[in-house]
């Protein structure tokens, strides 16, 4: 560096000042409870609606189930990792024991024995804890409940989804939101304690249920017989009507024969009358001849 040259001083990097929008975004906390609490404070709710109730009930439920989900997820992942890893290592260790003993190090059999025993014990214990505490089921239920609560909250705040028919946050939408939150809570409790709290559950009445089954079967058979009989009767009637329509020309023949018989009877009566008249005339003529002879 020469005497005439000025020392190089790095210039300060210019930073643009944040605008109001970026400042507001930066002020919001990262967790769900902190962000939603600020949103609730800005809602225009009616005087009858309790703003603090949303914070104490809705936000408290979301935070409660988030903690339970995270805690359950921690133990669930640990036990599942042990079960999966142990299930992979155990066959591999046992397969090594099938090699030539001369090529294996000393005391290898004892090492593999106790290793396989320890791994199988850890896998069994981990799987037992998973089933005993229902970690998989509870983890899924808690995760689903948290997401349902969050979705319900954002729909209410934005007046979308179930609340799209409301023009503003009035008392009716507020009541429906509180009702939906309690419904989600109740369903979660029913899923978690399904059948555990029902100590007075009625025993299964096998005889009664079998009797009902028999009665239903008999009634179904009777209905089936009736339907078959009705269908058979309809089919027979259709067949008979079709046959009658086909036999109509023979009726004409029968009618003609009856008329011919009537004409024949009339002709016979006419002939008989004519014969009688002829006989009477002959008798009369004979009587006249006899009278003339006398």
C-alpha atoms as a PDB file:
ATOM      1  CA  UNK A   1       0.000   0.000   0.000  1.00  0.00           C
ATOM      2  CA  UNK A   2       1.457   3.394  -0.983  1.00  0.00           C
ATOM      3  CA  UNK A   3       1.207   6.552   1.066  1.00  0.00           C
ATOM      4  CA  UNK A   4      -1.039   8.200  -1.502  1.00  0.00           C
ATOM      5  CA  UNK A   5      -3.582   5.378  -1.433  1.00  0.00           C
ATOM      6  CA  UNK A   6      -6.389   5.570   1.056  1.00  0.00           C
ATOM      7  CA  UNK A   7      -7.019   2.545   3.248  1.00  0.00           C
ATOM      8  CA  UNK A   8      -9.805   0.301   2.018  1.00  0.00           C
ATOM      9  CA  UNK A   9     -12.696   0.357   4.446  1.00  0.00           C
ATOM     10  CA  UNK A  10     -15.519  -2.083   3.741  1.00  0.00           C
ATOM     11  CA  UNK A  11     -18.768  -0.317   3.198  1.00  0.00           C
ATOM     12  CA  UNK A  12     -21.643  -1.255   5.390  1.00  0.00           C
ATOM     13  CA  UNK A  13     -24.236  -3.376   3.667  1.00  0.00           C
ATOM     14  CA  UNK A  14     -27.394  -1.476   3.176  1.00  0.00           C
ATOM     15  CA  UNK A  15     -30.425  -3.131   4.719  1.00  0.00           C
ATOM     16  CA  UNK A  16     -33.854  -2.197   3.515  1.00  0.00           C
ATOM     17  CA  UNK A  17     -36.233  -1.229   6.285  1.00  0.00           C
ATOM     18  CA  UNK A  18     -39.146  -3.615   6.827  1.00  0.00           C
ATOM     19  CA  UNK A  19     -42.502  -2.365   5.718  1.00  0.00           C
ATOM     20  CA  UNK A  20     -45.589  -2.525   7.912  1.00  0.00           C
ATOM     21  CA  UNK A  21     -46.798  -5.806   6.422  1.00  0.00           C
ATOM     22  CA  UNK A  22     -43.481  -7.585   7.020  1.00  0.00           C
ATOM     23  CA  UNK A  23     -43.332  -6.168  10.530  1.00  0.00           C
ATOM     24  CA  UNK A  24     -46.775  -7.541  11.344  1.00  0.00           C
ATOM     25  CA  UNK A  25     -45.848 -10.977   9.979  1.00  0.00           C
ATOM     26  CA  UNK A  26     -42.647 -11.009  11.992  1.00  0.00           C
ATOM     27  CA  UNK A  27     -44.531 -10.169  15.160  1.00  0.00           C
ATOM     28  CA  UNK A  28     -46.703 -13.308  15.040  1.00  0.00           C
ATOM     29  CA  UNK A  29     -45.268 -16.239  17.011  1.00  0.00           C
ATOM     30  CA  UNK A  30     -44.540 -19.573  15.377  1.00  0.00           C
ATOM     31  CA  UNK A  31     -46.710 -21.765  17.594  1.00  0.00           C
ATOM     32  CA  UNK A  32     -50.391 -22.256  16.828  1.00  0.00           C
ATOM     33  CA  UNK A  33     -51.677 -21.035  20.192  1.00  0.00           C
ATOM     34  CA  UNK A  34     -49.862 -17.693  20.030  1.00  0.00           C
ATOM     35  CA  UNK A  35     -50.947 -16.979  16.460  1.00  0.00           C
ATOM     36  CA  UNK A  36     -54.586 -17.896  17.008  1.00  0.00           C
ATOM     37  CA  UNK A  37     -54.743 -15.889  20.219  1.00  0.00           C
ATOM     38  CA  UNK A  38     -53.906 -12.752  18.244  1.00  0.00           C
ATOM     39  CA  UNK A  39     -56.501 -13.676  15.622  1.00  0.00           C
ATOM     40  CA  UNK A  40     -59.184 -14.092  18.311  1.00  0.00           C
ATOM     41  CA  UNK A  41     -58.353 -10.658  19.695  1.00  0.00           C
ATOM     42  CA  UNK A  42     -59.071  -9.111  16.287  1.00  0.00           C
ATOM     43  CA  UNK A  43     -62.421 -10.863  15.709  1.00  0.00           C
ATOM     44  CA  UNK A  44     -65.559  -8.737  15.703  1.00  0.00           C
ATOM     45  CA  UNK A  45     -67.761 -10.825  17.966  1.00  0.00           C
ATOM     46  CA  UNK A  46     -71.164  -9.806  19.355  1.00  0.00           C
ATOM     47  CA  UNK A  47     -71.506  -8.695  22.948  1.00  0.00           C
ATOM     48  CA  UNK A  48     -73.175 -11.993  23.945  1.00  0.00           C
ATOM     49  CA  UNK A  49     -70.160 -14.013  22.754  1.00  0.00           C
ATOM     50  CA  UNK A  50     -67.369 -14.622  25.239  1.00  0.00           C
ATOM     51  CA  UNK A  51     -63.986 -14.026  23.644  1.00  0.00           C
ATOM     52  CA  UNK A  52     -62.114 -15.466  26.610  1.00  0.00           C
ATOM     53  CA  UNK A  53     -64.107 -18.706  26.336  1.00  0.00           C
ATOM     54  CA  UNK A  54     -62.560 -19.347  22.925  1.00  0.00           C
ATOM     55  CA  UNK A  55     -59.100 -18.986  24.399  1.00  0.00           C
ATOM     56  CA  UNK A  56     -59.773 -21.037  27.503  1.00  0.00           C
ATOM     57  CA  UNK A  57     -61.615 -23.862  25.766  1.00  0.00           C
ATOM     58  CA  UNK A  58     -60.577 -23.999  22.107  1.00  0.00           C
ATOM     59  CA  UNK A  59     -56.899 -23.088  22.472  1.00  0.00           C
ATOM     60  CA  UNK A  60     -56.567 -25.138  25.639  1.00  0.00           C
ATOM     61  CA  UNK A  61     -57.904 -28.241  23.880  1.00  0.00           C
ATOM     62  CA  UNK A  62     -55.567 -27.769  20.923  1.00  0.00           C
ATOM     63  CA  UNK A  63     -52.557 -27.321  23.189  1.00  0.00           C
ATOM     64  CA  UNK A  64     -53.603 -30.280  25.371  1.00  0.00           C
ATOM     65  CA  UNK A  65     -53.915 -32.722  22.471  1.00  0.00           C
ATOM     66  CA  UNK A  66     -50.738 -31.440  20.853  1.00  0.00           C
ATOM     67  CA  UNK A  67     -48.804 -32.290  24.034  1.00  0.00           C
ATOM     68  CA  UNK A  68     -50.403 -35.733  24.250  1.00  0.00           C
ATOM     69  CA  UNK A  69     -49.695 -36.352  20.563  1.00  0.00           C
ATOM     70  CA  UNK A  70     -46.036 -35.363  20.853  1.00  0.00           C
ATOM     71  CA  UNK A  71     -45.521 -37.443  23.999  1.00  0.00           C
ATOM     72  CA  UNK A  72     -47.224 -40.487  22.482  1.00  0.00           C
ATOM     73  CA  UNK A  73     -45.295 -40.006  19.250  1.00  0.00           C
ATOM     74  CA  UNK A  74     -41.986 -40.047  21.154  1.00  0.00           C
ATOM     75  CA  UNK A  75     -42.595 -43.425  22.829  1.00  0.00           C
ATOM     76  CA  UNK A  76     -44.305 -44.846  19.760  1.00  0.00           C
ATOM     77  CA  UNK A  77     -41.294 -44.085  17.543  1.00  0.00           C
ATOM     78  CA  UNK A  78     -38.840 -45.520  20.102  1.00  0.00           C
ATOM     79  CA  UNK A  79     -40.681 -48.822  20.526  1.00  0.00           C
ATOM     80  CA  UNK A  80     -41.353 -49.151  16.809  1.00  0.00           C
ATOM     81  CA  UNK A  81     -37.672 -48.527  16.094  1.00  0.00           C
ATOM     82  CA  UNK A  82     -36.656 -51.253  18.560  1.00  0.00           C
ATOM     83  CA  UNK A  83     -39.162 -53.731  17.105  1.00  0.00           C
ATOM     84  CA  UNK A  84     -38.176 -53.050  13.505  1.00  0.00           C
ATOM     85  CA  UNK A  85     -34.408 -53.030  14.130  1.00  0.00           C
ATOM     86  CA  UNK A  86     -34.517 -56.125  16.341  1.00  0.00           C
ATOM     87  CA  UNK A  87     -36.613 -58.021  13.781  1.00  0.00           C
ATOM     88  CA  UNK A  88     -33.910 -57.322  11.186  1.00  0.00           C
ATOM     89  CA  UNK A  89     -30.864 -58.085  13.378  1.00  0.00           C
ATOM     90  CA  UNK A  90     -32.144 -61.283  14.995  1.00  0.00           C
ATOM     91  CA  UNK A  91     -32.289 -63.435  11.797  1.00  0.00           C
ATOM     92  CA  UNK A  92     -28.927 -62.012  10.709  1.00  0.00           C
ATOM     93  CA  UNK A  93     -27.241 -63.034  13.983  1.00  0.00           C
ATOM     94  CA  UNK A  94     -28.789 -66.493  13.915  1.00  0.00           C
ATOM     95  CA  UNK A  95     -27.706 -67.044  10.310  1.00  0.00           C
ATOM     96  CA  UNK A  96     -24.055 -66.326  11.218  1.00  0.00           C
ATOM     97  CA  UNK A  97     -24.101 -69.270  13.624  1.00  0.00           C
ATOM     98  CA  UNK A  98     -24.619 -71.632  10.677  1.00  0.00           C
ATOM     99  CA  UNK A  99     -21.057 -71.028   9.448  1.00  0.00           C
ATOM    100  CA  UNK A 100     -18.104 -73.359  10.007  1.00  0.00           C
ATOM    101  CA  UNK A 101     -17.185 -73.241  13.759  1.00  0.00           C
ATOM    102  CA  UNK A 102     -13.461 -73.367  12.911  1.00  0.00           C
ATOM    103  CA  UNK A 103     -13.735 -70.045  11.078  1.00  0.00           C
ATOM    104  CA  UNK A 104     -15.575 -68.317  13.910  1.00  0.00           C
ATOM    105  CA  UNK A 105     -13.835 -66.563  16.802  1.00  0.00           C
ATOM    106  CA  UNK A 106     -13.724 -68.027  20.285  1.00  0.00           C
ATOM    107  CA  UNK A 107     -16.822 -67.867  22.475  1.00  0.00           C
ATOM    108  CA  UNK A 108     -18.829 -66.846  19.410  1.00  0.00           C
ATOM    109  CA  UNK A 109     -21.636 -69.207  20.304  1.00  0.00           C
ATOM    110  CA  UNK A 110     -22.096 -67.585  23.714  1.00  0.00           C
ATOM    111  CA  UNK A 111     -21.982 -64.108  22.191  1.00  0.00           C
ATOM    112  CA  UNK A 112     -24.577 -64.954  19.555  1.00  0.00           C
ATOM    113  CA  UNK A 113     -26.763 -66.746  22.128  1.00  0.00           C
ATOM    114  CA  UNK A 114     -26.898 -63.851  24.569  1.00  0.00           C
ATOM    115  CA  UNK A 115     -27.186 -61.295  21.773  1.00  0.00           C
ATOM    116  CA  UNK A 116     -30.135 -63.124  20.222  1.00  0.00           C
ATOM    117  CA  UNK A 117     -31.718 -63.545  23.648  1.00  0.00           C
ATOM    118  CA  UNK A 118     -31.331 -59.833  24.477  1.00  0.00           C
ATOM    119  CA  UNK A 119     -32.639 -58.670  21.120  1.00  0.00           C
ATOM    120  CA  UNK A 120     -35.646 -60.995  21.203  1.00  0.00           C
ATOM    121  CA  UNK A 121     -36.409 -59.850  24.759  1.00  0.00           C
ATOM    122  CA  UNK A 122     -36.250 -56.176  23.776  1.00  0.00           C
ATOM    123  CA  UNK A 123     -38.451 -56.775  20.742  1.00  0.00           C
ATOM    124  CA  UNK A 124     -41.022 -58.638  22.824  1.00  0.00           C
ATOM    125  CA  UNK A 125     -41.066 -55.979  25.569  1.00  0.00           C
ATOM    126  CA  UNK A 126     -41.352 -53.119  23.071  1.00  0.00           C
ATOM    127  CA  UNK A 127     -44.149 -54.818  21.180  1.00  0.00           C
ATOM    128  CA  UNK A 128     -45.900 -55.573  24.476  1.00  0.00           C
ATOM    129  CA  UNK A 129     -45.766 -51.905  25.528  1.00  0.00           C
ATOM    130  CA  UNK A 130     -47.144 -50.868  22.149  1.00  0.00           C
ATOM    131  CA  UNK A 131     -50.116 -53.188  22.570  1.00  0.00           C
ATOM    132  CA  UNK A 132     -50.612 -52.534  26.288  1.00  0.00           C
ATOM    133  CA  UNK A 133     -50.798 -48.745  26.077  1.00  0.00           C
ATOM    134  CA  UNK A 134     -52.285 -48.684  22.533  1.00  0.00           C
ATOM    135  CA  UNK A 135     -49.610 -46.223  21.493  1.00  0.00           C
ATOM    136  CA  UNK A 136     -50.281 -46.588  17.786  1.00  0.00           C
ATOM    137  CA  UNK A 137     -54.025 -46.063  18.154  1.00  0.00           C
ATOM    138  CA  UNK A 138     -53.669 -43.150  20.569  1.00  0.00           C
ATOM    139  CA  UNK A 139     -51.053 -41.470  18.411  1.00  0.00           C
ATOM    140  CA  UNK A 140     -53.316 -41.585  15.366  1.00  0.00           C
ATOM    141  CA  UNK A 141     -56.362 -40.425  17.366  1.00  0.00           C
ATOM    142  CA  UNK A 142     -54.528 -37.498  18.948  1.00  0.00           C
ATOM    143  CA  UNK A 143     -53.081 -36.401  15.603  1.00  0.00           C
ATOM    144  CA  UNK A 144     -56.485 -36.588  13.952  1.00  0.00           C
ATOM    145  CA  UNK A 145     -58.149 -34.667  16.789  1.00  0.00           C
ATOM    146  CA  UNK A 146     -55.554 -31.877  16.682  1.00  0.00           C
ATOM    147  CA  UNK A 147     -55.965 -31.430  12.941  1.00  0.00           C
ATOM    148  CA  UNK A 148     -59.768 -31.450  13.216  1.00  0.00           C
ATOM    149  CA  UNK A 149     -59.689 -28.772  15.921  1.00  0.00           C
ATOM    150  CA  UNK A 150     -57.314 -26.608  13.901  1.00  0.00           C
ATOM    151  CA  UNK A 151     -59.374 -27.001  10.740  1.00  0.00           C
ATOM    152  CA  UNK A 152     -62.557 -26.137  12.622  1.00  0.00           C
ATOM    153  CA  UNK A 153     -60.913 -23.028  14.064  1.00  0.00           C
ATOM    154  CA  UNK A 154     -59.575 -21.730  10.754  1.00  0.00           C
ATOM    155  CA  UNK A 155     -62.943 -22.320   9.075  1.00  0.00           C
ATOM    156  CA  UNK A 156     -64.671 -20.306  11.794  1.00  0.00           C
ATOM    157  CA  UNK A 157     -62.129 -17.471  11.660  1.00  0.00           C
ATOM    158  CA  UNK A 158     -62.302 -17.268   7.853  1.00  0.00           C
ATOM    159  CA  UNK A 159     -66.074 -17.976   7.585  1.00  0.00           C
ATOM    160  CA  UNK A 160     -65.449 -20.813   5.149  1.00  0.00           C
ATOM    161  CA  UNK A 161     -66.455 -24.466   4.935  1.00  0.00           C
ATOM    162  CA  UNK A 162     -69.218 -25.048   7.472  1.00  0.00           C
ATOM    163  CA  UNK A 163     -69.502 -21.302   8.143  1.00  0.00           C
ATOM    164  CA  UNK A 164     -69.576 -19.998   4.588  1.00  0.00           C
ATOM    165  CA  UNK A 165     -73.292 -19.145   4.876  1.00  0.00           C
ATOM    166  CA  UNK A 166     -72.558 -16.553   7.581  1.00  0.00           C
ATOM    167  CA  UNK A 167     -71.698 -13.025   6.513  1.00  0.00           C
ATOM    168  CA  UNK A 168     -70.038 -12.157   9.831  1.00  0.00           C
ATOM    169  CA  UNK A 169     -69.134 -13.661  13.199  1.00  0.00           C
ATOM    170  CA  UNK A 170     -72.564 -13.428  14.777  1.00  0.00           C
ATOM    171  CA  UNK A 171     -73.963 -15.230  17.803  1.00  0.00           C
ATOM    172  CA  UNK A 172     -75.319 -18.167  15.787  1.00  0.00           C
ATOM    173  CA  UNK A 173     -71.957 -18.933  14.149  1.00  0.00           C
ATOM    174  CA  UNK A 174     -70.284 -18.609  17.565  1.00  0.00           C
ATOM    175  CA  UNK A 175     -72.676 -21.176  19.091  1.00  0.00           C
ATOM    176  CA  UNK A 176     -72.208 -23.583  16.174  1.00  0.00           C
ATOM    177  CA  UNK A 177     -68.443 -23.315  16.532  1.00  0.00           C
ATOM    178  CA  UNK A 178     -68.579 -24.118  20.256  1.00  0.00           C
ATOM    179  CA  UNK A 179     -70.925 -27.030  19.519  1.00  0.00           C
ATOM    180  CA  UNK A 180     -68.600 -28.462  16.846  1.00  0.00           C
ATOM    181  CA  UNK A 181     -65.604 -28.222  19.186  1.00  0.00           C
ATOM    182  CA  UNK A 182     -67.440 -30.193  21.871  1.00  0.00           C
ATOM    183  CA  UNK A 183     -68.529 -32.767  19.262  1.00  0.00           C
ATOM    184  CA  UNK A 184     -64.906 -33.347  18.226  1.00  0.00           C
ATOM    185  CA  UNK A 185     -63.923 -33.664  21.876  1.00  0.00           C
ATOM    186  CA  UNK A 186     -66.705 -36.171  22.601  1.00  0.00           C
ATOM    187  CA  UNK A 187     -65.848 -38.344  19.596  1.00  0.00           C
ATOM    188  CA  UNK A 188     -62.204 -38.447  20.633  1.00  0.00           C
ATOM    189  CA  UNK A 189     -63.130 -39.608  24.142  1.00  0.00           C
ATOM    190  CA  UNK A 190     -65.431 -42.282  22.720  1.00  0.00           C
ATOM    191  CA  UNK A 191     -62.643 -43.581  20.486  1.00  0.00           C
ATOM    192  CA  UNK A 192     -60.080 -43.567  23.276  1.00  0.00           C
ATOM    193  CA  UNK A 193     -62.285 -45.277  25.871  1.00  0.00           C
ATOM    194  CA  UNK A 194     -64.300 -47.451  23.535  1.00  0.00           C
ATOM    195  CA  UNK A 195     -65.996 -50.087  25.732  1.00  0.00           C
ATOM    196  CA  UNK A 196     -63.736 -49.432  28.757  1.00  0.00           C
ATOM    197  CA  UNK A 197     -66.173 -47.310  30.771  1.00  0.00           C
ATOM    198  CA  UNK A 198     -69.239 -49.451  30.038  1.00  0.00           C
ATOM    199  CA  UNK A 199     -69.072 -51.760  33.064  1.00  0.00           C
ATOM    200  CA  UNK A 200     -72.810 -52.509  32.982  1.00  0.00           C
ATOM    201  CA  UNK A 201     -72.789 -53.975  29.521  1.00  0.00           C
ATOM    202  CA  UNK A 202     -75.555 -56.488  28.956  1.00  0.00           C
ATOM    203  CA  UNK A 203     -74.569 -60.095  28.315  1.00  0.00           C
ATOM    204  CA  UNK A 204     -75.367 -61.634  24.973  1.00  0.00           C
ATOM    205  CA  UNK A 205     -78.673 -63.554  25.051  1.00  0.00           C
ATOM    206  CA  UNK A 206     -77.928 -66.419  22.675  1.00  0.00           C
ATOM    207  CA  UNK A 207     -81.304 -68.189  23.138  1.00  0.00           C
ATOM    208  CA  UNK A 208     -83.295 -65.022  22.567  1.00  0.00           C
ATOM    209  CA  UNK A 209     -81.274 -64.000  19.532  1.00  0.00           C
ATOM    210  CA  UNK A 210     -81.554 -67.521  18.072  1.00  0.00           C
ATOM    211  CA  UNK A 211     -85.321 -67.473  18.604  1.00  0.00           C
ATOM    212  CA  UNK A 212     -85.564 -64.125  16.824  1.00  0.00           C
ATOM    213  CA  UNK A 213     -83.469 -65.541  14.014  1.00  0.00           C
ATOM    214  CA  UNK A 214     -85.806 -68.537  13.659  1.00  0.00           C
ATOM    215  CA  UNK A 215     -88.885 -66.309  13.626  1.00  0.00           C
ATOM    216  CA  UNK A 216     -87.375 -64.046  11.019  1.00  0.00           C
ATOM    217  CA  UNK A 217     -86.421 -67.077   8.920  1.00  0.00           C
ATOM    218  CA  UNK A 218     -89.944 -68.558   9.131  1.00  0.00           C
ATOM    219  CA  UNK A 219     -91.537 -65.231   8.228  1.00  0.00           C
ATOM    220  CA  UNK A 220     -89.176 -64.845   5.323  1.00  0.00           C
ATOM    221  CA  UNK A 221     -90.052 -68.355   4.088  1.00  0.00           C
ATOM    222  CA  UNK A 222     -93.787 -67.607   4.367  1.00  0.00           C
ATOM    223  CA  UNK A 223     -93.384 -64.407   2.424  1.00  0.00           C
ATOM    224  CA  UNK A 224     -91.380 -66.281  -0.185  1.00  0.00           C
ATOM    225  CA  UNK A 225     -94.095 -68.963  -0.519  1.00  0.00           C
ATOM    226  CA  UNK A 226     -96.749 -66.276  -0.909  1.00  0.00           C
ATOM    227  CA  UNK A 227     -94.751 -64.515  -3.580  1.00  0.00           C
ATOM    228  CA  UNK A 228     -94.115 -67.781  -5.440  1.00  0.00           C
ATOM    229  CA  UNK A 229     -97.814 -68.755  -5.212  1.00  0.00           C
ATOM    230  CA  UNK A 230     -98.894 -65.363  -6.461  1.00  0.00           C
ATOM    231  CA  UNK A 231     -96.430 -65.510  -9.310  1.00  0.00           C
ATOM    232  CA  UNK A 232     -97.578 -69.045 -10.211  1.00  0.00           C
ATOM    233  CA  UNK A 233    -101.251 -67.978 -10.147  1.00  0.00           C
ATOM    234  CA  UNK A 234    -100.534 -65.012 -12.373  1.00  0.00           C
ATOM    235  CA  UNK A 235     -98.632 -67.233 -14.798  1.00  0.00           C
ATOM    236  CA  UNK A 236    -101.497 -69.781 -14.923  1.00  0.00           C
ATOM    237  CA  UNK A 237    -104.070 -67.043 -15.475  1.00  0.00           C
ATOM    238  CA  UNK A 238    -102.021 -65.580 -18.289  1.00  0.00           C
ATOM    239  CA  UNK A 239    -101.689 -69.029 -19.896  1.00  0.00           C
ATOM    240  CA  UNK A 240    -105.431 -69.716 -19.604  1.00  0.00           C
ATOM    241  CA  UNK A 241    -106.357 -66.330 -21.054  1.00  0.00           C
ATOM    242  CA  UNK A 242    -103.984 -66.882 -23.947  1.00  0.00           C
ATOM    243  CA  UNK A 243    -105.506 -70.332 -24.553  1.00  0.00           C
ATOM    244  CA  UNK A 244    -109.018 -68.868 -24.463  1.00  0.00           C
ATOM    245  CA  UNK A 245    -108.068 -66.286 -27.042  1.00  0.00           C
ATOM    246  CA  UNK A 246    -106.698 -69.053 -29.271  1.00  0.00           C
ATOM    247  CA  UNK A 247    -109.896 -71.199 -28.876  1.00  0.00           C
ATOM    248  CA  UNK A 248    -112.308 -68.384 -29.848  1.00  0.00           C
ATOM    249  CA  UNK A 249    -112.862 -69.808 -33.415  1.00  0.00           C
ATOM    250  CA  UNK A 250    -114.168 -73.098 -31.930  1.00  0.00           C
ATOM    251  CA  UNK A 251    -116.791 -71.082 -30.065  1.00  0.00           C
ATOM    252  CA  UNK A 252    -118.052 -69.844 -33.414  1.00  0.00           C
ATOM    253  CA  UNK A 253    -118.353 -73.459 -34.577  1.00  0.00           C
ATOM    254  CA  UNK A 254    -120.272 -74.394 -31.440  1.00  0.00           C
ATOM    255  CA  UNK A 255    -122.598 -71.431 -31.966  1.00  0.00           C
ATOM    256  CA  UNK A 256    -123.173 -72.527 -35.593  1.00  0.00           C
ATOM    257  CA  UNK A 257    -123.929 -76.090 -34.516  1.00  0.00           C
ATOM    258  CA  UNK A 258    -126.421 -74.869 -31.945  1.00  0.00           C
ATOM    259  CA  UNK A 259    -128.160 -72.766 -34.583  1.00  0.00           C
ATOM    260  CA  UNK A 260    -128.155 -75.748 -37.000  1.00  0.00           C
ATOM    261  CA  UNK A 261    -129.704 -77.943 -34.327  1.00  0.00           C
ATOM    262  CA  UNK A 262    -132.383 -75.329 -33.715  1.00  0.00           C
ATOM    263  CA  UNK A 263    -133.146 -75.132 -37.443  1.00  0.00           C
ATOM    264  CA  UNK A 264    -133.226 -78.927 -37.620  1.00  0.00           C
ATOM    265  CA  UNK A 265    -135.666 -79.048 -34.737  1.00  0.00           C
ATOM    266  CA  UNK A 266    -137.882 -76.441 -36.390  1.00  0.00           C
ATOM    267  CA  UNK A 267    -137.727 -78.360 -39.683  1.00  0.00           C
ATOM    268  CA  UNK A 268    -138.685 -81.593 -37.924  1.00  0.00           C
ATOM    269  CA  UNK A 269    -141.612 -79.898 -36.244  1.00  0.00           C
ATOM    270  CA  UNK A 270    -142.720 -78.451 -39.592  1.00  0.00           C
ATOM    271  CA  UNK A 271    -142.528 -81.860 -41.252  1.00  0.00           C
ATOM    272  CA  UNK A 272    -144.492 -83.453 -38.458  1.00  0.00           C
ATOM    273  CA  UNK A 273    -147.172 -80.794 -38.757  1.00  0.00           C
ATOM    274  CA  UNK A 274    -147.262 -81.256 -42.511  1.00  0.00           C
ATOM    275  CA  UNK A 275    -147.629 -85.035 -42.156  1.00  0.00           C
ATOM    276  CA  UNK A 276    -150.414 -84.576 -39.684  1.00  0.00           C
ATOM    277  CA  UNK A 277    -152.270 -82.246 -42.063  1.00  0.00           C
ATOM    278  CA  UNK A 278    -151.884 -84.746 -44.911  1.00  0.00           C
ATOM    279  CA  UNK A 279    -153.172 -87.570 -42.736  1.00  0.00           C
ATOM    280  CA  UNK A 280    -156.168 -85.465 -41.706  1.00  0.00           C
ATOM    281  CA  UNK A 281    -156.943 -84.613 -45.345  1.00  0.00           C
ATOM    282  CA  UNK A 282    -156.691 -88.278 -46.328  1.00  0.00           C
ATOM    283  CA  UNK A 283    -159.023 -89.267 -43.556  1.00  0.00           C
ATOM    284  CA  UNK A 284    -161.443 -86.557 -44.539  1.00  0.00           C
ATOM    285  CA  UNK A 285    -161.397 -87.644 -48.152  1.00  0.00           C
ATOM    286  CA  UNK A 286    -161.994 -91.264 -47.174  1.00  0.00           C
ATOM    287  CA  UNK A 287    -164.911 -90.255 -45.022  1.00  0.00           C
ATOM    288  CA  UNK A 288    -166.421 -88.299 -47.865  1.00  0.00           C
ATOM    289  CA  UNK A 289    -166.040 -91.234 -50.268  1.00  0.00           C
ATOM    290  CA  UNK A 290    -167.678 -93.558 -47.840  1.00  0.00           C
ATOM    291  CA  UNK A 291    -170.577 -91.213 -47.366  1.00  0.00           C
ATOM    292  CA  UNK A 292    -171.104 -90.915 -51.067  1.00  0.00           C
ATOM    293  CA  UNK A 293    -171.131 -94.687 -51.514  1.00  0.00           C
ATOM    294  CA  UNK A 294    -173.720 -95.072 -48.890  1.00  0.00           C
END
